[in-house]
């Protein structure tokens, strides 16, 4: 009796773990990381570009050399999930107090 129940429990556990693994493999990542400037040169901000042009430091723009190993590594990293941090919601009493202070400061 005990062995039969033990076997049934293990079979149920295996079935559940298999279904969970299958559903995880089917699901696609919601947030994916995207890398900027993979095949091009990084452009400086406008202010810095103006200063570089003024001082003659502006570098010649040429496309970046990417090796096949780097492209393969980038392809693998694009499937990684991005961690999204959520803003903390203010407590109701604090929100009420802040709204009261905003109204009070307008007067």
PDB file of N, CA and C in Angstrom:
ATOM      1  N   UNK A   1       0.827  -1.188   0.000  1.00  0.00           N
ATOM      2  CA  UNK A   1       0.000   0.000   0.000  1.00  0.00           C
ATOM      3  C   UNK A   1       0.881   1.265   0.000  1.00  0.00           C
ATOM      4  N   UNK A   2       1.858   1.286   0.909  1.00  0.00           N
ATOM      5  CA  UNK A   2       2.750   2.446   1.013  1.00  0.00           C
ATOM      6  C   UNK A   2       3.545   2.644  -0.278  1.00  0.00           C
ATOM      7  N   UNK A   3       4.062   1.570  -0.837  1.00  0.00           N
ATOM      8  CA  UNK A   3       4.864   1.666  -2.059  1.00  0.00           C
ATOM      9  C   UNK A   3       4.019   2.158  -3.236  1.00  0.00           C
ATOM     10  N   UNK A   4       2.776   1.703  -3.296  1.00  0.00           N
ATOM     11  CA  UNK A   4       1.890   2.121  -4.383  1.00  0.00           C
ATOM     12  C   UNK A   4       1.603   3.627  -4.282  1.00  0.00           C
ATOM     13  N   UNK A   5       1.313   4.101  -3.076  1.00  0.00           N
ATOM     14  CA  UNK A   5       1.047   5.533  -2.872  1.00  0.00           C
ATOM     15  C   UNK A   5       2.297   6.366  -3.170  1.00  0.00           C
ATOM     16  N   UNK A   6       3.453   5.850  -2.774  1.00  0.00           N
ATOM     17  CA  UNK A   6       4.711   6.544  -3.035  1.00  0.00           C
ATOM     18  C   UNK A   6       4.967   6.651  -4.538  1.00  0.00           C
ATOM     19  N   UNK A   7       4.727   5.565  -5.258  1.00  0.00           N
ATOM     20  CA  UNK A   7       4.900   5.582  -6.715  1.00  0.00           C
ATOM     21  C   UNK A   7       3.931   6.562  -7.379  1.00  0.00           C
ATOM     22  N   UNK A   8       2.682   6.586  -6.887  1.00  0.00           N
ATOM     23  CA  UNK A   8       1.696   7.506  -7.454  1.00  0.00           C
ATOM     24  C   UNK A   8       2.107   8.960  -7.212  1.00  0.00           C
ATOM     25  N   UNK A   9       2.611   9.252  -6.013  1.00  0.00           N
ATOM     26  CA  UNK A   9       3.057  10.600  -5.687  1.00  0.00           C
ATOM     27  C   UNK A   9       4.212  11.030  -6.586  1.00  0.00           C
ATOM     28  N   UNK A  10       5.174  10.134  -6.773  1.00  0.00           N
ATOM     29  CA  UNK A  10       6.322  10.449  -7.627  1.00  0.00           C
ATOM     30  C   UNK A  10       5.896  10.650  -9.077  1.00  0.00           C
ATOM     31  N   UNK A  11       4.936   9.843  -9.537  1.00  0.00           N
ATOM     32  CA  UNK A  11       4.443   9.989 -10.907  1.00  0.00           C
ATOM     33  C   UNK A  11       3.738  11.339 -11.083  1.00  0.00           C
ATOM     34  N   UNK A  12       2.947  11.738 -10.088  1.00  0.00           N
ATOM     35  CA  UNK A  12       2.272  13.035 -10.156  1.00  0.00           C
ATOM     36  C   UNK A  12       3.290  14.173 -10.162  1.00  0.00           C
ATOM     37  N   UNK A  13       4.312  14.043  -9.323  1.00  0.00           N
ATOM     38  CA  UNK A  13       5.353  15.068  -9.258  1.00  0.00           C
ATOM     39  C   UNK A  13       6.082  15.191 -10.590  1.00  0.00           C
ATOM     40  N   UNK A  14       6.412  14.046 -11.194  1.00  0.00           N
ATOM     41  CA  UNK A  14       7.085  14.069 -12.499  1.00  0.00           C
ATOM     42  C   UNK A  14       6.195  14.712 -13.561  1.00  0.00           C
ATOM     43  N   UNK A  15       4.901  14.395 -13.535  1.00  0.00           N
ATOM     44  CA  UNK A  15       3.976  14.960 -14.523  1.00  0.00           C
ATOM     45  C   UNK A  15       3.860  16.476 -14.353  1.00  0.00           C
ATOM     46  N   UNK A  16       3.778  16.923 -13.114  1.00  0.00           N
ATOM     47  CA  UNK A  16       3.652  18.358 -12.853  1.00  0.00           C
ATOM     48  C   UNK A  16       4.924  19.096 -13.253  1.00  0.00           C
ATOM     49  N   UNK A  17       6.095  18.547 -12.891  1.00  0.00           N
ATOM     50  CA  UNK A  17       7.353  19.213 -13.255  1.00  0.00           C
ATOM     51  C   UNK A  17       7.534  19.256 -14.770  1.00  0.00           C
ATOM     52  N   UNK A  18       7.115  18.203 -15.449  1.00  0.00           N
ATOM     53  CA  UNK A  18       7.221  18.191 -16.910  1.00  0.00           C
ATOM     54  C   UNK A  18       6.318  19.258 -17.524  1.00  0.00           C
ATOM     55  N   UNK A  19       5.101  19.402 -17.004  1.00  0.00           N
ATOM     56  CA  UNK A  19       4.188  20.411 -17.553  1.00  0.00           C
ATOM     57  C   UNK A  19       4.695  21.825 -17.263  1.00  0.00           C
ATOM     58  N   UNK A  20       5.298  22.024 -16.093  1.00  0.00           N
ATOM     59  CA  UNK A  20       5.848  23.341 -15.759  1.00  0.00           C
ATOM     60  C   UNK A  20       7.021  23.673 -16.674  1.00  0.00           C
ATOM     61  N   UNK A  21       7.915  22.716 -16.886  1.00  0.00           N
ATOM     62  CA  UNK A  21       9.056  22.948 -17.779  1.00  0.00           C
ATOM     63  C   UNK A  21       8.586  23.254 -19.193  1.00  0.00           C
ATOM     64  N   UNK A  22       7.569  22.532 -19.640  1.00  0.00           N
ATOM     65  CA  UNK A  22       7.054  22.728 -20.991  1.00  0.00           C
ATOM     66  C   UNK A  22       6.433  24.123 -21.135  1.00  0.00           C
ATOM     67  N   UNK A  23       5.690  24.565 -20.135  1.00  0.00           N
ATOM     68  CA  UNK A  23       5.075  25.896 -20.211  1.00  0.00           C
ATOM     69  C   UNK A  23       6.130  26.996 -20.130  1.00  0.00           C
ATOM     70  N   UNK A  24       7.201  26.774 -19.369  1.00  0.00           N
ATOM     71  CA  UNK A  24       8.276  27.766 -19.293  1.00  0.00           C
ATOM     72  C   UNK A  24       9.038  27.854 -20.609  1.00  0.00           C
ATOM     73  N   UNK A  25       9.207  26.740 -21.284  1.00  0.00           N
ATOM     74  CA  UNK A  25       9.896  26.756 -22.575  1.00  0.00           C
ATOM     75  C   UNK A  25       9.049  27.458 -23.629  1.00  0.00           C
ATOM     76  N   UNK A  26       7.725  27.314 -23.541  1.00  0.00           N
ATOM     77  CA  UNK A  26       6.841  27.946 -24.512  1.00  0.00           C
ATOM     78  C   UNK A  26       6.781  29.455 -24.322  1.00  0.00           C
ATOM     79  N   UNK A  27       6.802  29.897 -23.069  1.00  0.00           N
ATOM     80  CA  UNK A  27       6.637  31.328 -22.794  1.00  0.00           C
ATOM     81  C   UNK A  27       7.861  32.100 -23.272  1.00  0.00           C
ATOM     82  N   UNK A  28       7.588  33.244 -23.886  1.00  0.00           N
ATOM     83  CA  UNK A  28       8.659  34.099 -24.392  1.00  0.00           C
ATOM     84  C   UNK A  28       8.956  35.156 -23.338  1.00  0.00           C
ATOM     85  N   UNK A  29      10.193  35.643 -23.277  1.00  0.00           N
ATOM     86  CA  UNK A  29      10.492  36.699 -22.308  1.00  0.00           C
ATOM     87  C   UNK A  29       9.749  37.988 -22.670  1.00  0.00           C
ATOM     88  N   UNK A  30       9.196  38.633 -21.671  1.00  0.00           N
ATOM     89  CA  UNK A  30       8.418  39.848 -21.894  1.00  0.00           C
ATOM     90  C   UNK A  30       9.348  41.022 -22.178  1.00  0.00           C
ATOM     91  N   UNK A  31      10.347  41.199 -21.333  1.00  0.00           N
ATOM     92  CA  UNK A  31      11.292  42.301 -21.496  1.00  0.00           C
ATOM     93  C   UNK A  31      12.625  41.739 -21.981  1.00  0.00           C
ATOM     94  N   UNK A  32      13.112  42.286 -23.062  1.00  0.00           N
ATOM     95  CA  UNK A  32      14.406  41.839 -23.564  1.00  0.00           C
ATOM     96  C   UNK A  32      15.363  43.019 -23.585  1.00  0.00           C
ATOM     97  N   UNK A  33      16.615  42.733 -23.355  1.00  0.00           N
ATOM     98  CA  UNK A  33      17.617  43.796 -23.378  1.00  0.00           C
ATOM     99  C   UNK A  33      18.030  44.068 -24.814  1.00  0.00           C
ATOM    100  N   UNK A  34      18.179  45.324 -25.126  1.00  0.00           N
ATOM    101  CA  UNK A  34      18.614  45.715 -26.459  1.00  0.00           C
ATOM    102  C   UNK A  34      19.886  46.541 -26.309  1.00  0.00           C
ATOM    103  N   UNK A  35      20.863  46.213 -27.118  1.00  0.00           N
ATOM    104  CA  UNK A  35      22.141  46.907 -27.048  1.00  0.00           C
ATOM    105  C   UNK A  35      22.197  47.995 -28.110  1.00  0.00           C
ATOM    106  N   UNK A  36      22.647  49.166 -27.701  1.00  0.00           N
ATOM    107  CA  UNK A  36      22.761  50.285 -28.626  1.00  0.00           C
ATOM    108  C   UNK A  36      24.139  50.287 -29.266  1.00  0.00           C
ATOM    109  N   UNK A  37      24.211  50.831 -30.437  1.00  0.00           N
ATOM    110  CA  UNK A  37      25.470  51.007 -31.163  1.00  0.00           C
ATOM    111  C   UNK A  37      26.213  49.688 -31.359  1.00  0.00           C
ATOM    112  N   UNK A  38      25.549  48.686 -31.886  1.00  0.00           N
ATOM    113  CA  UNK A  38      26.190  47.396 -32.123  1.00  0.00           C
ATOM    114  C   UNK A  38      27.107  47.484 -33.340  1.00  0.00           C
ATOM    115  N   UNK A  39      26.588  48.023 -34.434  1.00  0.00           N
ATOM    116  CA  UNK A  39      27.363  48.061 -35.674  1.00  0.00           C
ATOM    117  C   UNK A  39      27.767  49.473 -36.086  1.00  0.00           C
ATOM    118  N   UNK A  40      27.638  50.440 -35.213  1.00  0.00           N
ATOM    119  CA  UNK A  40      27.998  51.805 -35.579  1.00  0.00           C
ATOM    120  C   UNK A  40      28.818  52.444 -34.466  1.00  0.00           C
ATOM    121  N   UNK A  41      29.319  53.628 -34.769  1.00  0.00           N
ATOM    122  CA  UNK A  41      30.149  54.359 -33.815  1.00  0.00           C
ATOM    123  C   UNK A  41      29.237  55.119 -32.857  1.00  0.00           C
ATOM    124  N   UNK A  42      29.638  55.185 -31.614  1.00  0.00           N
ATOM    125  CA  UNK A  42      28.869  55.916 -30.617  1.00  0.00           C
ATOM    126  C   UNK A  42      29.032  57.410 -30.860  1.00  0.00           C
ATOM    127  N   UNK A  43      27.908  58.124 -30.934  1.00  0.00           N
ATOM    128  CA  UNK A  43      27.966  59.563 -31.160  1.00  0.00           C
ATOM    129  C   UNK A  43      27.989  60.281 -29.816  1.00  0.00           C
ATOM    130  N   UNK A  44      28.834  61.308 -29.683  1.00  0.00           N
ATOM    131  CA  UNK A  44      28.845  62.078 -28.431  1.00  0.00           C
ATOM    132  C   UNK A  44      27.621  62.985 -28.357  1.00  0.00           C
ATOM    133  N   UNK A  45      27.281  63.471 -27.167  1.00  0.00           N
ATOM    134  CA  UNK A  45      26.185  64.438 -27.050  1.00  0.00           C
ATOM    135  C   UNK A  45      26.487  65.710 -27.835  1.00  0.00           C
ATOM    136  N   UNK A  46      25.447  66.488 -28.116  1.00  0.00           N
ATOM    137  CA  UNK A  46      25.607  67.677 -28.960  1.00  0.00           C
ATOM    138  C   UNK A  46      26.615  68.664 -28.387  1.00  0.00           C
ATOM    139  N   UNK A  47      26.534  68.883 -27.088  1.00  0.00           N
ATOM    140  CA  UNK A  47      27.433  69.872 -26.477  1.00  0.00           C
ATOM    141  C   UNK A  47      28.885  69.444 -26.612  1.00  0.00           C
ATOM    142  N   UNK A  48      29.141  68.184 -26.397  1.00  0.00           N
ATOM    143  CA  UNK A  48      30.514  67.680 -26.493  1.00  0.00           C
ATOM    144  C   UNK A  48      30.977  67.673 -27.943  1.00  0.00           C
ATOM    145  N   UNK A  49      30.071  67.365 -28.880  1.00  0.00           N
ATOM    146  CA  UNK A  49      30.436  67.382 -30.297  1.00  0.00           C
ATOM    147  C   UNK A  49      30.808  68.795 -30.735  1.00  0.00           C
ATOM    148  N   UNK A  50      30.073  69.798 -30.219  1.00  0.00           N
ATOM    149  CA  UNK A  50      30.396  71.190 -30.557  1.00  0.00           C
ATOM    150  C   UNK A  50      31.766  71.575 -30.013  1.00  0.00           C
ATOM    151  N   UNK A  51      32.056  71.167 -28.789  1.00  0.00           N
ATOM    152  CA  UNK A  51      33.356  71.482 -28.187  1.00  0.00           C
ATOM    153  C   UNK A  51      34.476  70.787 -28.951  1.00  0.00           C
ATOM    154  N   UNK A  52      34.249  69.536 -29.339  1.00  0.00           N
ATOM    155  CA  UNK A  52      35.269  68.806 -30.092  1.00  0.00           C
ATOM    156  C   UNK A  52      35.491  69.443 -31.454  1.00  0.00           C
ATOM    157  N   UNK A  53      34.415  69.887 -32.109  1.00  0.00           N
ATOM    158  CA  UNK A  53      34.559  70.532 -33.411  1.00  0.00           C
ATOM    159  C   UNK A  53      35.293  71.863 -33.270  1.00  0.00           C
ATOM    160  N   UNK A  54      35.012  72.567 -32.190  1.00  0.00           N
ATOM    161  CA  UNK A  54      35.654  73.859 -31.947  1.00  0.00           C
ATOM    162  C   UNK A  54      37.152  73.694 -31.701  1.00  0.00           C
ATOM    163  N   UNK A  55      37.521  72.665 -30.960  1.00  0.00           N
ATOM    164  CA  UNK A  55      38.925  72.436 -30.618  1.00  0.00           C
ATOM    165  C   UNK A  55      39.651  71.545 -31.620  1.00  0.00           C
ATOM    166  N   UNK A  56      38.954  71.049 -32.617  1.00  0.00           N
ATOM    167  CA  UNK A  56      39.585  70.200 -33.619  1.00  0.00           C
ATOM    168  C   UNK A  56      39.868  68.791 -33.135  1.00  0.00           C
ATOM    169  N   UNK A  57      39.103  68.319 -32.176  1.00  0.00           N
ATOM    170  CA  UNK A  57      39.316  66.976 -31.627  1.00  0.00           C
ATOM    171  C   UNK A  57      38.346  65.971 -32.243  1.00  0.00           C
ATOM    172  N   UNK A  58      37.472  66.442 -33.097  1.00  0.00           N
ATOM    173  CA  UNK A  58      36.439  65.584 -33.656  1.00  0.00           C
ATOM    174  C   UNK A  58      37.069  64.406 -34.393  1.00  0.00           C
ATOM    175  N   UNK A  59      36.669  63.216 -34.024  1.00  0.00           N
ATOM    176  CA  UNK A  59      37.223  62.004 -34.621  1.00  0.00           C
ATOM    177  C   UNK A  59      36.480  61.670 -35.904  1.00  0.00           C
ATOM    178  N   UNK A  60      37.192  61.060 -36.829  1.00  0.00           N
ATOM    179  CA  UNK A  60      36.577  60.638 -38.076  1.00  0.00           C
ATOM    180  C   UNK A  60      35.628  59.482 -37.793  1.00  0.00           C
ATOM    181  N   UNK A  61      34.439  59.566 -38.389  1.00  0.00           N
ATOM    182  CA  UNK A  61      33.451  58.519 -38.151  1.00  0.00           C
ATOM    183  C   UNK A  61      33.721  57.353 -39.093  1.00  0.00           C
ATOM    184  N   UNK A  62      33.906  56.195 -38.522  1.00  0.00           N
ATOM    185  CA  UNK A  62      34.058  54.995 -39.327  1.00  0.00           C
ATOM    186  C   UNK A  62      33.322  53.864 -38.620  1.00  0.00           C
ATOM    187  N   UNK A  63      32.739  52.947 -39.358  1.00  0.00           N
ATOM    188  CA  UNK A  63      31.966  51.888 -38.725  1.00  0.00           C
ATOM    189  C   UNK A  63      32.847  50.996 -37.859  1.00  0.00           C
ATOM    190  N   UNK A  64      32.293  50.582 -36.756  1.00  0.00           N
ATOM    191  CA  UNK A  64      33.035  49.737 -35.822  1.00  0.00           C
ATOM    192  C   UNK A  64      33.198  48.332 -36.397  1.00  0.00           C
ATOM    193  N   UNK A  65      34.336  47.735 -36.126  1.00  0.00           N
ATOM    194  CA  UNK A  65      34.599  46.375 -36.577  1.00  0.00           C
ATOM    195  C   UNK A  65      34.040  45.404 -35.539  1.00  0.00           C
ATOM    196  N   UNK A  66      33.152  44.530 -35.971  1.00  0.00           N
ATOM    197  CA  UNK A  66      32.590  43.544 -35.049  1.00  0.00           C
ATOM    198  C   UNK A  66      33.018  42.166 -35.504  1.00  0.00           C
ATOM    199  N   UNK A  67      33.530  41.419 -34.574  1.00  0.00           N
ATOM    200  CA  UNK A  67      33.950  40.067 -34.906  1.00  0.00           C
ATOM    201  C   UNK A  67      32.758  39.124 -34.805  1.00  0.00           C
ATOM    202  N   UNK A  68      32.909  37.964 -35.399  1.00  0.00           N
ATOM    203  CA  UNK A  68      31.810  36.998 -35.384  1.00  0.00           C
ATOM    204  C   UNK A  68      31.540  36.486 -33.976  1.00  0.00           C
ATOM    205  N   UNK A  69      32.588  36.410 -33.145  1.00  0.00           N
ATOM    206  CA  UNK A  69      32.374  35.946 -31.771  1.00  0.00           C
ATOM    207  C   UNK A  69      31.577  36.971 -30.970  1.00  0.00           C
ATOM    208  N   UNK A  70      31.827  38.281 -31.232  1.00  0.00           N
ATOM    209  CA  UNK A  70      31.080  39.308 -30.515  1.00  0.00           C
ATOM    210  C   UNK A  70      29.625  39.311 -30.958  1.00  0.00           C
ATOM    211  N   UNK A  71      29.386  39.135 -32.244  1.00  0.00           N
ATOM    212  CA  UNK A  71      28.015  39.093 -32.750  1.00  0.00           C
ATOM    213  C   UNK A  71      27.272  37.906 -32.153  1.00  0.00           C
ATOM    214  N   UNK A  72      27.951  36.774 -32.032  1.00  0.00           N
ATOM    215  CA  UNK A  72      27.321  35.598 -31.426  1.00  0.00           C
ATOM    216  C   UNK A  72      27.004  35.851 -29.959  1.00  0.00           C
ATOM    217  N   UNK A  73      27.913  36.516 -29.246  1.00  0.00           N
ATOM    218  CA  UNK A  73      27.676  36.827 -27.833  1.00  0.00           C
ATOM    219  C   UNK A  73      26.517  37.802 -27.686  1.00  0.00           C
ATOM    220  N   UNK A  74      26.417  38.764 -28.593  1.00  0.00           N
ATOM    221  CA  UNK A  74      25.318  39.721 -28.542  1.00  0.00           C
ATOM    222  C   UNK A  74      23.989  39.041 -28.818  1.00  0.00           C
ATOM    223  N   UNK A  75      23.992  38.088 -29.731  1.00  0.00           N
ATOM    224  CA  UNK A  75      22.762  37.371 -30.040  1.00  0.00           C
ATOM    225  C   UNK A  75      22.280  36.581 -28.831  1.00  0.00           C
ATOM    226  N   UNK A  76      23.218  36.019 -28.076  1.00  0.00           N
ATOM    227  CA  UNK A  76      22.836  35.273 -26.879  1.00  0.00           C
ATOM    228  C   UNK A  76      22.325  36.206 -25.790  1.00  0.00           C
ATOM    229  N   UNK A  77      22.937  37.376 -25.653  1.00  0.00           N
ATOM    230  CA  UNK A  77      22.553  38.282 -24.570  1.00  0.00           C
ATOM    231  C   UNK A  77      21.234  38.981 -24.847  1.00  0.00           C
ATOM    232  N   UNK A  78      20.780  39.016 -26.087  1.00  0.00           N
ATOM    233  CA  UNK A  78      19.531  39.693 -26.394  1.00  0.00           C
ATOM    234  C   UNK A  78      18.334  38.935 -25.847  1.00  0.00           C
ATOM    235  N   UNK A  79      18.473  37.662 -25.577  1.00  0.00           N
ATOM    236  CA  UNK A  79      17.372  36.887 -25.020  1.00  0.00           C
ATOM    237  C   UNK A  79      17.252  37.037 -23.520  1.00  0.00           C
ATOM    238  N   UNK A  80      18.185  37.737 -22.900  1.00  0.00           N
ATOM    239  CA  UNK A  80      18.165  37.892 -21.443  1.00  0.00           C
ATOM    240  C   UNK A  80      17.010  38.781 -21.026  1.00  0.00           C
ATOM    241  N   UNK A  81      16.514  38.540 -19.848  1.00  0.00           N
ATOM    242  CA  UNK A  81      15.389  39.318 -19.348  1.00  0.00           C
ATOM    243  C   UNK A  81      15.886  40.587 -18.672  1.00  0.00           C
ATOM    244  N   UNK A  82      15.091  41.605 -18.799  1.00  0.00           N
ATOM    245  CA  UNK A  82      15.422  42.882 -18.179  1.00  0.00           C
ATOM    246  C   UNK A  82      14.640  42.999 -16.877  1.00  0.00           C
ATOM    247  N   UNK A  83      15.345  43.397 -15.843  1.00  0.00           N
ATOM    248  CA  UNK A  83      14.701  43.549 -14.550  1.00  0.00           C
ATOM    249  C   UNK A  83      14.069  44.934 -14.498  1.00  0.00           C
ATOM    250  N   UNK A  84      12.785  44.975 -14.229  1.00  0.00           N
ATOM    251  CA  UNK A  84      12.070  46.231 -14.182  1.00  0.00           C
ATOM    252  C   UNK A  84      11.780  46.576 -12.729  1.00  0.00           C
ATOM    253  N   UNK A  85      12.226  47.758 -12.306  1.00  0.00           N
ATOM    254  CA  UNK A  85      11.945  48.198 -10.942  1.00  0.00           C
ATOM    255  C   UNK A  85      10.694  49.056 -10.962  1.00  0.00           C
ATOM    256  N   UNK A  86       9.821  48.831 -10.004  1.00  0.00           N
ATOM    257  CA  UNK A  86       8.586  49.578  -9.935  1.00  0.00           C
ATOM    258  C   UNK A  86       8.719  50.701  -8.920  1.00  0.00           C
ATOM    259  N   UNK A  87       8.065  51.825  -9.212  1.00  0.00           N
ATOM    260  CA  UNK A  87       8.084  52.938  -8.286  1.00  0.00           C
ATOM    261  C   UNK A  87       7.249  52.574  -7.068  1.00  0.00           C
ATOM    262  N   UNK A  88       7.708  53.023  -5.923  1.00  0.00           N
ATOM    263  CA  UNK A  88       6.957  52.790  -4.702  1.00  0.00           C
ATOM    264  C   UNK A  88       5.735  53.694  -4.700  1.00  0.00           C
ATOM    265  N   UNK A  89       4.607  53.125  -4.343  1.00  0.00           N
ATOM    266  CA  UNK A  89       3.383  53.893  -4.266  1.00  0.00           C
ATOM    267  C   UNK A  89       3.316  54.557  -2.900  1.00  0.00           C
ATOM    268  N   UNK A  90       2.898  55.822  -2.884  1.00  0.00           N
ATOM    269  CA  UNK A  90       2.813  56.538  -1.622  1.00  0.00           C
ATOM    270  C   UNK A  90       1.656  55.984  -0.805  1.00  0.00           C
ATOM    271  N   UNK A  91       1.834  56.021   0.491  1.00  0.00           N
ATOM    272  CA  UNK A  91       0.776  55.582   1.388  1.00  0.00           C
ATOM    273  C   UNK A  91      -0.405  56.541   1.261  1.00  0.00           C
ATOM    274  N   UNK A  92      -1.620  56.050   1.463  1.00  0.00           N
ATOM    275  CA  UNK A  92      -2.799  56.904   1.275  1.00  0.00           C
ATOM    276  C   UNK A  92      -2.781  58.163   2.142  1.00  0.00           C
ATOM    277  N   UNK A  93      -2.371  58.033   3.397  1.00  0.00           N
ATOM    278  CA  UNK A  93      -2.355  59.192   4.284  1.00  0.00           C
ATOM    279  C   UNK A  93      -1.303  60.210   3.840  1.00  0.00           C
ATOM    280  N   UNK A  94      -0.155  59.716   3.367  1.00  0.00           N
ATOM    281  CA  UNK A  94       0.893  60.610   2.872  1.00  0.00           C
ATOM    282  C   UNK A  94       0.429  61.312   1.600  1.00  0.00           C
ATOM    283  N   UNK A  95      -0.249  60.597   0.708  1.00  0.00           N
ATOM    284  CA  UNK A  95      -0.762  61.208  -0.514  1.00  0.00           C
ATOM    285  C   UNK A  95      -1.779  62.292  -0.180  1.00  0.00           C
ATOM    286  N   UNK A  96      -2.627  62.020   0.790  1.00  0.00           N
ATOM    287  CA  UNK A  96      -3.626  62.996   1.216  1.00  0.00           C
ATOM    288  C   UNK A  96      -2.946  64.235   1.790  1.00  0.00           C
ATOM    289  N   UNK A  97      -1.927  64.039   2.610  1.00  0.00           N
ATOM    290  CA  UNK A  97      -1.199  65.156   3.209  1.00  0.00           C
ATOM    291  C   UNK A  97      -0.501  65.988   2.139  1.00  0.00           C
ATOM    292  N   UNK A  98       0.148  65.317   1.181  1.00  0.00           N
ATOM    293  CA  UNK A  98       0.846  66.047   0.120  1.00  0.00           C
ATOM    294  C   UNK A  98      -0.121  66.837  -0.750  1.00  0.00           C
ATOM    295  N   UNK A  99      -1.278  66.251  -1.062  1.00  0.00           N
ATOM    296  CA  UNK A  99      -2.261  66.985  -1.858  1.00  0.00           C
ATOM    297  C   UNK A  99      -2.787  68.187  -1.080  1.00  0.00           C
ATOM    298  N   UNK A 100      -2.972  68.026   0.231  1.00  0.00           N
ATOM    299  CA  UNK A 100      -3.399  69.145   1.073  1.00  0.00           C
ATOM    300  C   UNK A 100      -2.351  70.254   1.070  1.00  0.00           C
ATOM    301  N   UNK A 101      -1.073  69.876   1.169  1.00  0.00           N
ATOM    302  CA  UNK A 101      -0.004  70.871   1.162  1.00  0.00           C
ATOM    303  C   UNK A 101       0.076  71.606  -0.176  1.00  0.00           C
ATOM    304  N   UNK A 102      -0.152  70.894  -1.277  1.00  0.00           N
ATOM    305  CA  UNK A 102      -0.136  71.542  -2.588  1.00  0.00           C
ATOM    306  C   UNK A 102      -1.240  72.586  -2.685  1.00  0.00           C
ATOM    307  N   UNK A 103      -2.442  72.221  -2.204  1.00  0.00           N
ATOM    308  CA  UNK A 103      -3.561  73.161  -2.233  1.00  0.00           C
ATOM    309  C   UNK A 103      -3.290  74.342  -1.310  1.00  0.00           C
ATOM    310  N   UNK A 104      -2.675  74.081  -0.185  1.00  0.00           N
ATOM    311  CA  UNK A 104      -2.418  75.117   0.808  1.00  0.00           C
ATOM    312  C   UNK A 104      -1.369  76.107   0.310  1.00  0.00           C
ATOM    313  N   UNK A 105      -0.375  75.616  -0.446  1.00  0.00           N
ATOM    314  CA  UNK A 105       0.680  76.486  -0.963  1.00  0.00           C
ATOM    315  C   UNK A 105       0.185  77.380  -2.101  1.00  0.00           C
ATOM    316  N   UNK A 106      -0.900  77.029  -2.763  1.00  0.00           N
ATOM    317  CA  UNK A 106      -1.437  77.830  -3.863  1.00  0.00           C
ATOM    318  C   UNK A 106      -2.051  79.132  -3.360  1.00  0.00           C
ATOM    319  N   UNK A 107      -2.513  79.124  -2.121  1.00  0.00           N
ATOM    320  CA  UNK A 107      -3.206  80.307  -1.581  1.00  0.00           C
ATOM    321  C   UNK A 107      -2.287  81.459  -1.367  1.00  0.00           C
TER     322      UNK A 107
END
